[in-house]
Every structure is written in structure tokens, then in C-alpha cells.
Amino acid sequence: MAAKEVRPIRPTKVMFTNEMKYKDFVEYAVSSSKTKSVGMDKMRKMMKEFKNSIKS
């Protein structure tokens, strides 16, 4: 099987028409509301516990 060429991922460019839309976008991007579910909450808890165990 021939190797497939790997293309680099291009960055996404976002243009905002005003400051309010920019702030709304940033608020949504950093919030956990888009992944609000029992499964994701458990995953976050597990990751937090894992990171704390590494520090100890």
C-alpha cells in the first residue's frame, strides 16, 4: 500500500464585524456549555484527578 501524502492543517481565520461578536465568540469558545454532558463531566473529573496525581 502506497503512503498517502499528509497535508498540513491550515489555520482558521475568523473575521468579526464588531467587538461584541468577538467577545461572544471567545466566551463560547472557552466555556464548557458546548460539551455539557454526564460523559464529558466524568472525563473532566478523571483528567483533573490524573493531573493532580502526576503532581504528587
Protein backbone atom coordinates (compact mmCIF):
# COMPACT_ATOMS: atom_id res chain seq x y z
CA MET A 1 0.00 0.00 0.00
CA ALA A 2 1.43 3.38 -1.02
CA ALA A 3 1.98 6.05 1.59
CA LYS A 4 -0.59 8.82 1.48
CA GLU A 5 0.64 12.40 1.38
CA VAL A 6 -0.03 14.24 4.62
CA ARG A 7 -1.21 17.79 4.12
CA PRO A 8 -0.71 20.37 6.87
CA ILE A 9 -3.74 21.70 8.71
CA ARG A 10 -4.43 25.27 7.73
CA PRO A 11 -5.31 27.73 10.50
CA THR A 12 -8.86 29.03 10.61
CA LYS A 13 -9.24 32.76 10.18
CA VAL A 14 -12.21 34.45 11.83
CA MET A 15 -13.32 37.96 11.00
CA PHE A 16 -15.62 39.85 13.38
CA THR A 17 -17.74 42.83 12.48
CA ASN A 18 -17.67 44.32 15.97
CA GLU A 19 -16.19 43.90 19.44
CA MET A 20 -19.37 42.39 20.91
CA LYS A 21 -19.36 39.47 18.45
CA TYR A 22 -15.68 38.87 19.22
CA LYS A 23 -16.36 38.75 22.98
CA ASP A 24 -19.33 36.42 22.47
CA PHE A 25 -17.18 34.09 20.37
CA VAL A 26 -14.37 33.99 22.93
CA GLU A 27 -16.83 33.40 25.78
CA TYR A 28 -18.41 30.49 23.91
CA ALA A 29 -15.04 29.04 22.87
CA VAL A 30 -13.71 28.84 26.43
CA SER A 31 -16.97 27.67 28.02
CA SER A 32 -17.85 24.06 28.68
CA SER A 33 -21.50 24.53 27.68
CA LYS A 34 -20.95 23.09 24.20
CA THR A 35 -19.79 19.80 25.70
CA LYS A 36 -22.14 19.71 28.69
CA SER A 37 -22.97 16.08 29.32
CA VAL A 38 -22.55 13.46 32.02
CA GLY A 39 -19.84 11.71 29.99
CA MET A 40 -17.81 14.86 29.45
CA ASP A 41 -18.18 15.86 33.11
CA LYS A 42 -16.77 12.45 34.10
CA MET A 43 -13.92 12.88 31.62
CA ARG A 44 -13.06 16.32 33.03
CA LYS A 45 -13.06 14.89 36.56
CA MET A 46 -10.82 12.00 35.52
CA MET A 47 -8.38 14.35 33.75
CA LYS A 48 -8.24 16.65 36.80
CA GLU A 49 -7.53 13.68 39.09
CA PHE A 50 -4.89 12.39 36.69
CA LYS A 51 -3.12 15.75 36.51
CA ASN A 52 -3.19 16.01 40.32
CA SER A 53 -1.72 12.51 40.66
CA ILE A 54 1.19 13.45 38.38
CA LYS A 55 1.99 16.50 40.52
CA SER A 56 2.17 14.37 43.70
